[in-house]
Amino acid sequence: MHIAQGRVDETYINGWRAARIDCPSALIPAPGQYLLAQALNQANAPIPAPVYLAASSPKGFYAANPYPVAWHPGTTLALKGPLGHGFSMPPAARKVLLASWSQSPGRVLALLEACRRQKAEIVWISATPLEQIPLSVEILPPAALPQAAQWADYAALDIPHSQLGQTFTNPLWLDAQPFLAGYAQIFLETPVSCGGIAECGVCAVRAQQGLRLACKDGPVFNLSEIVNVPR
């Protein structure tokens, strides 16, 4: 873990990239990991904000939405991280399913660059229309999820923790290859403001083997840790 300063270089009104942050390379989080960030001109703010990777940048990285509205270009940030466990796409993956049920699709779209390096085909599923998605990515509606899951050899999902129980109820896609082989991972959207220090339990996740804390055991988990995948 590293502690240093960064700077908000540019912000964006719409899209899955909320801002560009200039910072030392050691602070750049992997897809799914996070930094804790606090504006130095707001030092009395009690809770730092988690910041996630959306894409790389020559001097730092693009941060995913959501983003504190008080931060603007030129804002200096105190940064700590990277923290937590991120996505780990298998090097052999060639058919990748990316899906998001959250308001921050950039966290899972951060895997686009890794997919391009591996020359993987990509299917993107979300209920929220997005701009700036590469033309090479096939965009499908949520209703196509069972078929897309059967096609994929790796799946990366992003979902609010509160929606977990109502989402994973369709055996047609839980019975798909990446889920059965353990090649499906899930980002659980939940508060992680303590960065794994307080162990307050606010981000507690009920897993197959007991409670896990998303702030340090996640926020990305293997799906089989969280959901009872049929064998």
C-alpha atoms as a PDB file:
ATOM      1  CA  MET A   1       0.000   0.000   0.000  1.00  0.00           C
ATOM      2  CA  HIS A   2       1.226   3.510  -0.857  1.00  0.00           C
ATOM      3  CA  ILE A   3       0.318   6.990   0.371  1.00  0.00           C
ATOM      4  CA  ALA A   4       0.930  10.008  -1.843  1.00  0.00           C
ATOM      5  CA  GLN A   5      -0.708  12.999  -3.445  1.00  0.00           C
ATOM      6  CA  GLY A   6      -2.511  13.094  -6.770  1.00  0.00           C
ATOM      7  CA  ARG A   7      -4.315  15.738  -8.761  1.00  0.00           C
ATOM      8  CA  VAL A   8      -7.633  15.842 -10.576  1.00  0.00           C
ATOM      9  CA  ASP A   9      -6.596  16.791 -14.105  1.00  0.00           C
ATOM     10  CA  GLU A  10      -9.960  16.660 -15.861  1.00  0.00           C
ATOM     11  CA  THR A  11     -13.573  15.759 -15.079  1.00  0.00           C
ATOM     12  CA  TYR A  12     -16.408  14.531 -17.289  1.00  0.00           C
ATOM     13  CA  ILE A  13     -20.130  15.201 -17.036  1.00  0.00           C
ATOM     14  CA  ASN A  14     -21.369  11.978 -18.609  1.00  0.00           C
ATOM     15  CA  GLY A  15     -19.993   8.537 -19.307  1.00  0.00           C
ATOM     16  CA  TRP A  16     -18.345   5.772 -17.333  1.00  0.00           C
ATOM     17  CA  ARG A  17     -15.121   7.751 -16.905  1.00  0.00           C
ATOM     18  CA  ALA A  18     -15.700  10.434 -14.260  1.00  0.00           C
ATOM     19  CA  ALA A  19     -12.275  12.067 -14.069  1.00  0.00           C
ATOM     20  CA  ARG A  20      -8.629  11.773 -14.974  1.00  0.00           C
ATOM     21  CA  ILE A  21      -6.322  11.630 -11.958  1.00  0.00           C
ATOM     22  CA  ASP A  22      -2.586  12.226 -12.228  1.00  0.00           C
ATOM     23  CA  CYS A  23      -0.674  10.227  -9.607  1.00  0.00           C
ATOM     24  CA  PRO A  24       2.433   8.041  -9.104  1.00  0.00           C
ATOM     25  CA  SER A  25       2.239   4.746 -10.990  1.00  0.00           C
ATOM     26  CA  ALA A  26       2.445   2.759  -7.735  1.00  0.00           C
ATOM     27  CA  LEU A  27      -0.967   4.137  -6.748  1.00  0.00           C
ATOM     28  CA  ILE A  28      -2.826   3.068  -9.878  1.00  0.00           C
ATOM     29  CA  PRO A  29      -5.361   0.408  -8.849  1.00  0.00           C
ATOM     30  CA  ALA A  30      -5.963  -2.752 -10.843  1.00  0.00           C
ATOM     31  CA  PRO A  31      -9.492  -3.297 -12.207  1.00  0.00           C
ATOM     32  CA  GLY A  32     -11.769  -3.792  -9.194  1.00  0.00           C
ATOM     33  CA  GLN A  33      -9.284  -2.476  -6.632  1.00  0.00           C
ATOM     34  CA  TYR A  34      -9.706   0.953  -5.070  1.00  0.00           C
ATOM     35  CA  LEU A  35      -7.911   3.942  -3.591  1.00  0.00           C
ATOM     36  CA  LEU A  36      -9.130   5.997  -0.647  1.00  0.00           C
ATOM     37  CA  ALA A  37      -9.026   9.642  -1.681  1.00  0.00           C
ATOM     38  CA  GLN A  38      -9.602  12.899   0.140  1.00  0.00           C
ATOM     39  CA  ALA A  39      -9.376  16.430  -1.221  1.00  0.00           C
ATOM     40  CA  LEU A  40      -6.734  18.364   0.705  1.00  0.00           C
ATOM     41  CA  ASN A  41      -8.922  21.461   0.706  1.00  0.00           C
ATOM     42  CA  GLN A  42     -11.585  19.339   2.474  1.00  0.00           C
ATOM     43  CA  ALA A  43      -9.331  17.841   5.144  1.00  0.00           C
ATOM     44  CA  ASN A  44     -12.105  17.978   7.731  1.00  0.00           C
ATOM     45  CA  ALA A  45     -14.357  15.695   5.702  1.00  0.00           C
ATOM     46  CA  PRO A  46     -14.805  12.649   7.966  1.00  0.00           C
ATOM     47  CA  ILE A  47     -14.930   9.916   5.315  1.00  0.00           C
ATOM     48  CA  PRO A  48     -12.578   9.511   2.334  1.00  0.00           C
ATOM     49  CA  ALA A  49     -14.063   8.436  -0.988  1.00  0.00           C
ATOM     50  CA  PRO A  50     -13.211   5.157  -2.694  1.00  0.00           C
ATOM     51  CA  VAL A  51     -11.916   5.682  -6.230  1.00  0.00           C
ATOM     52  CA  TYR A  52     -11.888   2.897  -8.830  1.00  0.00           C
ATOM     53  CA  LEU A  53     -10.091   2.425 -12.114  1.00  0.00           C
ATOM     54  CA  ALA A  54     -12.052   2.897 -15.336  1.00  0.00           C
ATOM     55  CA  ALA A  55      -9.105   3.017 -17.763  1.00  0.00           C
ATOM     56  CA  SER A  56      -5.409   3.765 -17.846  1.00  0.00           C
ATOM     57  CA  SER A  57      -3.869   7.164 -18.591  1.00  0.00           C
ATOM     58  CA  PRO A  58      -0.238   8.114 -19.372  1.00  0.00           C
ATOM     59  CA  LYS A  59       0.198  10.027 -16.083  1.00  0.00           C
ATOM     60  CA  GLY A  60      -2.213   8.112 -13.869  1.00  0.00           C
ATOM     61  CA  PHE A  61      -5.670   6.709 -14.541  1.00  0.00           C
ATOM     62  CA  TYR A  62      -9.274   7.491 -15.385  1.00  0.00           C
ATOM     63  CA  ALA A  63     -11.552   7.132 -12.374  1.00  0.00           C
ATOM     64  CA  ALA A  64     -14.942   5.459 -12.659  1.00  0.00           C
ATOM     65  CA  ASN A  65     -18.231   7.045 -11.698  1.00  0.00           C
ATOM     66  CA  PRO A  66     -19.533   7.938  -9.135  1.00  0.00           C
ATOM     67  CA  TYR A  67     -17.283  10.793  -8.152  1.00  0.00           C
ATOM     68  CA  PRO A  68     -17.487  13.486  -5.414  1.00  0.00           C
ATOM     69  CA  VAL A  69     -19.084  16.524  -7.044  1.00  0.00           C
ATOM     70  CA  ALA A  70     -16.893  18.897  -4.999  1.00  0.00           C
ATOM     71  CA  TRP A  71     -13.762  17.663  -6.769  1.00  0.00           C
ATOM     72  CA  HIS A  72     -12.863  19.707  -9.846  1.00  0.00           C
ATOM     73  CA  PRO A  73      -9.869  20.062 -12.168  1.00  0.00           C
ATOM     74  CA  GLY A  74      -6.898  21.173 -10.107  1.00  0.00           C
ATOM     75  CA  THR A  75      -8.081  19.593  -6.850  1.00  0.00           C
ATOM     76  CA  THR A  76      -5.189  17.988  -4.969  1.00  0.00           C
ATOM     77  CA  LEU A  77      -5.978  14.597  -3.444  1.00  0.00           C
ATOM     78  CA  ALA A  78      -4.432  12.591  -0.635  1.00  0.00           C
ATOM     79  CA  LEU A  79      -4.422   9.017  -1.945  1.00  0.00           C
ATOM     80  CA  LYS A  80      -3.923   5.691  -0.166  1.00  0.00           C
ATOM     81  CA  GLY A  81      -3.815   2.300  -1.826  1.00  0.00           C
ATOM     82  CA  PRO A  82      -4.262   0.285  -3.898  1.00  0.00           C
ATOM     83  CA  LEU A  83      -6.610  -1.606  -1.587  1.00  0.00           C
ATOM     84  CA  GLY A  84      -8.685  -4.768  -1.798  1.00  0.00           C
ATOM     85  CA  HIS A  85      -8.801  -7.595  -4.307  1.00  0.00           C
ATOM     86  CA  GLY A  86      -9.597  -6.883  -7.942  1.00  0.00           C
ATOM     87  CA  PHE A  87     -10.518  -8.898 -11.002  1.00  0.00           C
ATOM     88  CA  SER A  88      -8.112 -11.585 -12.207  1.00  0.00           C
ATOM     89  CA  MET A  89      -8.996 -12.545 -15.757  1.00  0.00           C
ATOM     90  CA  PRO A  90      -7.353 -15.820 -16.858  1.00  0.00           C
ATOM     91  CA  PRO A  91      -4.659 -15.288 -19.523  1.00  0.00           C
ATOM     92  CA  ALA A  92      -6.363 -17.916 -21.693  1.00  0.00           C
ATOM     93  CA  ALA A  93      -9.763 -16.168 -21.714  1.00  0.00           C
ATOM     94  CA  ARG A  94     -10.906 -15.425 -25.263  1.00  0.00           C
ATOM     95  CA  LYS A  95     -14.690 -15.010 -24.823  1.00  0.00           C
ATOM     96  CA  VAL A  96     -15.390 -12.515 -22.059  1.00  0.00           C
ATOM     97  CA  LEU A  97     -18.733 -11.500 -20.585  1.00  0.00           C
ATOM     98  CA  LEU A  98     -18.828  -8.134 -18.806  1.00  0.00           C
ATOM     99  CA  ALA A  99     -22.046  -7.144 -17.044  1.00  0.00           C
ATOM    100  CA  SER A 100     -23.145  -4.407 -14.656  1.00  0.00           C
ATOM    101  CA  TRP A 101     -26.288  -3.785 -12.634  1.00  0.00           C
ATOM    102  CA  SER A 102     -24.804  -0.743 -10.890  1.00  0.00           C
ATOM    103  CA  GLN A 103     -24.570   2.981 -11.587  1.00  0.00           C
ATOM    104  CA  SER A 104     -20.788   2.665 -11.969  1.00  0.00           C
ATOM    105  CA  PRO A 105     -20.188   0.420 -15.005  1.00  0.00           C
ATOM    106  CA  GLY A 106     -16.653   1.744 -15.390  1.00  0.00           C
ATOM    107  CA  ARG A 107     -15.415  -0.577 -12.652  1.00  0.00           C
ATOM    108  CA  VAL A 108     -15.963  -3.651 -14.793  1.00  0.00           C
ATOM    109  CA  LEU A 109     -15.297  -1.899 -18.110  1.00  0.00           C
ATOM    110  CA  ALA A 110     -11.777  -1.349 -16.778  1.00  0.00           C
ATOM    111  CA  LEU A 111     -11.168  -4.884 -18.067  1.00  0.00           C
ATOM    112  CA  LEU A 112     -11.543  -3.754 -21.688  1.00  0.00           C
ATOM    113  CA  GLU A 113      -7.834  -3.043 -21.993  1.00  0.00           C
ATOM    114  CA  ALA A 114      -6.883  -6.505 -20.717  1.00  0.00           C
ATOM    115  CA  CYS A 115      -9.391  -8.048 -23.128  1.00  0.00           C
ATOM    116  CA  ARG A 116      -7.820  -6.191 -26.050  1.00  0.00           C
ATOM    117  CA  ARG A 117      -4.339  -7.370 -25.054  1.00  0.00           C
ATOM    118  CA  GLN A 118      -5.585 -10.953 -25.030  1.00  0.00           C
ATOM    119  CA  LYS A 119      -7.520 -10.465 -28.302  1.00  0.00           C
ATOM    120  CA  ALA A 120     -10.654 -11.629 -26.549  1.00  0.00           C
ATOM    121  CA  GLU A 121     -14.172 -11.224 -27.903  1.00  0.00           C
ATOM    122  CA  ILE A 122     -16.313  -9.156 -25.528  1.00  0.00           C
ATOM    123  CA  VAL A 123     -20.014  -9.109 -24.746  1.00  0.00           C
ATOM    124  CA  TRP A 124     -21.292  -6.212 -22.633  1.00  0.00           C
ATOM    125  CA  ILE A 125     -24.609  -6.434 -20.751  1.00  0.00           C
ATOM    126  CA  SER A 126     -26.166  -3.559 -18.839  1.00  0.00           C
ATOM    127  CA  ALA A 127     -29.572  -2.003 -18.356  1.00  0.00           C
ATOM    128  CA  THR A 128     -27.986   1.458 -18.693  1.00  0.00           C
ATOM    129  CA  PRO A 129     -27.131   2.674 -22.235  1.00  0.00           C
ATOM    130  CA  LEU A 130     -23.548   3.896 -22.484  1.00  0.00           C
ATOM    131  CA  GLU A 131     -21.601   5.960 -24.966  1.00  0.00           C
ATOM    132  CA  GLN A 132     -17.946   5.497 -25.872  1.00  0.00           C
ATOM    133  CA  ILE A 133     -18.141   1.701 -25.897  1.00  0.00           C
ATOM    134  CA  PRO A 134     -15.737   0.365 -28.568  1.00  0.00           C
ATOM    135  CA  LEU A 135     -17.443  -0.871 -31.716  1.00  0.00           C
ATOM    136  CA  SER A 136     -15.724  -4.228 -31.273  1.00  0.00           C
ATOM    137  CA  VAL A 137     -17.811  -4.891 -28.136  1.00  0.00           C
ATOM    138  CA  GLU A 138     -21.140  -6.639 -28.672  1.00  0.00           C
ATOM    139  CA  ILE A 139     -23.829  -4.926 -26.574  1.00  0.00           C
ATOM    140  CA  LEU A 140     -26.753  -7.062 -25.415  1.00  0.00           C
ATOM    141  CA  PRO A 141     -29.763  -6.439 -23.157  1.00  0.00           C
ATOM    142  CA  PRO A 142     -30.062  -8.056 -19.695  1.00  0.00           C
ATOM    143  CA  ALA A 143     -32.499 -10.623 -21.084  1.00  0.00           C
ATOM    144  CA  ALA A 144     -29.625 -12.125 -23.112  1.00  0.00           C
ATOM    145  CA  LEU A 145     -27.591 -12.928 -20.011  1.00  0.00           C
ATOM    146  CA  PRO A 146     -28.298 -16.714 -19.901  1.00  0.00           C
ATOM    147  CA  GLN A 147     -27.155 -17.167 -23.511  1.00  0.00           C
ATOM    148  CA  ALA A 148     -24.120 -14.916 -23.066  1.00  0.00           C
ATOM    149  CA  ALA A 149     -23.076 -16.820 -19.952  1.00  0.00           C
ATOM    150  CA  GLN A 150     -23.202 -20.104 -21.866  1.00  0.00           C
ATOM    151  CA  TRP A 151     -20.966 -18.589 -24.559  1.00  0.00           C
ATOM    152  CA  ALA A 152     -18.310 -17.051 -22.289  1.00  0.00           C
ATOM    153  CA  ASP A 153     -15.186 -18.629 -20.830  1.00  0.00           C
ATOM    154  CA  TYR A 154     -14.785 -15.802 -18.275  1.00  0.00           C
ATOM    155  CA  ALA A 155     -17.359 -13.501 -16.694  1.00  0.00           C
ATOM    156  CA  ALA A 156     -16.890 -10.296 -14.678  1.00  0.00           C
ATOM    157  CA  LEU A 157     -19.984  -8.908 -12.987  1.00  0.00           C
ATOM    158  CA  ASP A 158     -20.710  -5.725 -10.993  1.00  0.00           C
ATOM    159  CA  ILE A 159     -23.760  -5.552  -8.764  1.00  0.00           C
ATOM    160  CA  PRO A 160     -24.932  -3.686  -5.660  1.00  0.00           C
ATOM    161  CA  HIS A 161     -24.754  -5.953  -2.626  1.00  0.00           C
ATOM    162  CA  SER A 162     -28.421  -5.250  -1.899  1.00  0.00           C
ATOM    163  CA  GLN A 163     -29.467  -6.793  -5.238  1.00  0.00           C
ATOM    164  CA  LEU A 164     -27.450  -9.980  -4.901  1.00  0.00           C
ATOM    165  CA  GLY A 165     -30.253 -12.258  -3.735  1.00  0.00           C
ATOM    166  CA  GLN A 166     -32.754 -11.261  -6.397  1.00  0.00           C
ATOM    167  CA  THR A 167     -30.303 -11.457  -9.306  1.00  0.00           C
ATOM    168  CA  PHE A 168     -28.768 -14.917  -9.087  1.00  0.00           C
ATOM    169  CA  THR A 169     -31.905 -16.992  -9.391  1.00  0.00           C
ATOM    170  CA  ASN A 170     -31.777 -18.169 -13.011  1.00  0.00           C
ATOM    171  CA  PRO A 171     -30.301 -21.701 -13.263  1.00  0.00           C
ATOM    172  CA  LEU A 172     -29.858 -21.260 -17.027  1.00  0.00           C
ATOM    173  CA  TRP A 173     -26.856 -19.041 -16.536  1.00  0.00           C
ATOM    174  CA  LEU A 174     -25.593 -20.257 -13.175  1.00  0.00           C
ATOM    175  CA  ASP A 175     -25.137 -23.566 -14.973  1.00  0.00           C
ATOM    176  CA  ALA A 176     -22.873 -21.940 -17.583  1.00  0.00           C
ATOM    177  CA  GLN A 177     -19.235 -22.834 -18.221  1.00  0.00           C
ATOM    178  CA  PRO A 178     -17.425 -19.924 -16.470  1.00  0.00           C
ATOM    179  CA  PHE A 179     -19.562 -20.351 -13.364  1.00  0.00           C
ATOM    180  CA  LEU A 180     -19.076 -24.104 -13.181  1.00  0.00           C
ATOM    181  CA  ALA A 181     -15.310 -23.831 -13.796  1.00  0.00           C
ATOM    182  CA  GLY A 182     -14.835 -21.044 -11.252  1.00  0.00           C
ATOM    183  CA  TYR A 183     -14.034 -18.430 -13.926  1.00  0.00           C
ATOM    184  CA  ALA A 184     -16.704 -15.959 -12.862  1.00  0.00           C
ATOM    185  CA  GLN A 185     -16.010 -13.040 -10.559  1.00  0.00           C
ATOM    186  CA  ILE A 186     -18.283 -10.478  -8.991  1.00  0.00           C
ATOM    187  CA  PHE A 187     -17.695  -6.941  -7.769  1.00  0.00           C
ATOM    188  CA  LEU A 188     -20.029  -6.235  -4.850  1.00  0.00           C
ATOM    189  CA  GLU A 189     -20.886  -2.567  -4.533  1.00  0.00           C
ATOM    190  CA  THR A 190     -20.874  -1.743  -0.816  1.00  0.00           C
ATOM    191  CA  PRO A 191     -19.246   0.929   1.421  1.00  0.00           C
ATOM    192  CA  VAL A 192     -15.483   0.425   1.878  1.00  0.00           C
ATOM    193  CA  SER A 193     -14.518   3.758   3.436  1.00  0.00           C
ATOM    194  CA  CYS A 194     -12.332   2.336   6.222  1.00  0.00           C
ATOM    195  CA  GLY A 195      -9.969   0.655   3.767  1.00  0.00           C
ATOM    196  CA  GLY A 196      -9.851  -2.540   5.827  1.00  0.00           C
ATOM    197  CA  ILE A 197      -8.629  -0.874   9.015  1.00  0.00           C
ATOM    198  CA  ALA A 198     -11.725  -0.578  11.199  1.00  0.00           C
ATOM    199  CA  GLU A 199     -13.328  -4.003  10.624  1.00  0.00           C
ATOM    200  CA  CYS A 200     -16.623  -2.303  11.465  1.00  0.00           C
ATOM    201  CA  GLY A 201     -18.676  -4.836   9.503  1.00  0.00           C
ATOM    202  CA  VAL A 202     -20.503  -2.262   7.370  1.00  0.00           C
ATOM    203  CA  CYS A 203     -19.257  -4.022   4.231  1.00  0.00           C
ATOM    204  CA  ALA A 204     -19.783  -7.568   5.550  1.00  0.00           C
ATOM    205  CA  VAL A 205     -20.743 -10.088   2.881  1.00  0.00           C
ATOM    206  CA  ARG A 206     -22.278 -13.464   3.638  1.00  0.00           C
ATOM    207  CA  ALA A 207     -20.156 -16.011   1.793  1.00  0.00           C
ATOM    208  CA  GLN A 208     -20.363 -19.798   1.509  1.00  0.00           C
ATOM    209  CA  GLN A 209     -17.715 -20.181   4.241  1.00  0.00           C
ATOM    210  CA  GLY A 210     -18.905 -17.390   6.547  1.00  0.00           C
ATOM    211  CA  LEU A 211     -18.725 -13.601   6.603  1.00  0.00           C
ATOM    212  CA  ARG A 212     -16.208 -11.707   4.472  1.00  0.00           C
ATOM    213  CA  LEU A 213     -15.351  -7.996   4.522  1.00  0.00           C
ATOM    214  CA  ALA A 214     -15.525  -6.400   1.074  1.00  0.00           C
ATOM    215  CA  CYS A 215     -13.042  -3.683   2.098  1.00  0.00           C
ATOM    216  CA  LYS A 216     -10.192  -6.199   2.342  1.00  0.00           C
ATOM    217  CA  ASP A 217     -11.451  -9.639   1.189  1.00  0.00           C
ATOM    218  CA  GLY A 218     -13.114  -8.027  -1.854  1.00  0.00           C
ATOM    219  CA  PRO A 219     -14.651  -5.984  -3.298  1.00  0.00           C
ATOM    220  CA  VAL A 220     -14.166  -8.573  -6.054  1.00  0.00           C
ATOM    221  CA  PHE A 221     -14.966 -12.163  -5.109  1.00  0.00           C
ATOM    222  CA  ASN A 222     -15.122 -15.411  -7.023  1.00  0.00           C
ATOM    223  CA  LEU A 223     -18.802 -15.911  -7.674  1.00  0.00           C
ATOM    224  CA  SER A 224     -18.665 -19.423  -6.223  1.00  0.00           C
ATOM    225  CA  GLU A 225     -17.592 -17.890  -2.873  1.00  0.00           C
ATOM    226  CA  ILE A 226     -20.806 -15.871  -2.683  1.00  0.00           C
ATOM    227  CA  VAL A 227     -23.449 -17.781  -4.629  1.00  0.00           C
ATOM    228  CA  ASN A 228     -24.208 -21.487  -4.427  1.00  0.00           C
ATOM    229  CA  VAL A 229     -23.222 -22.441  -7.961  1.00  0.00           C
ATOM    230  CA  PRO A 230     -24.545 -25.900  -8.934  1.00  0.00           C
ATOM    231  CA  ARG A 231     -21.944 -28.616  -9.417  1.00  0.00           C
END
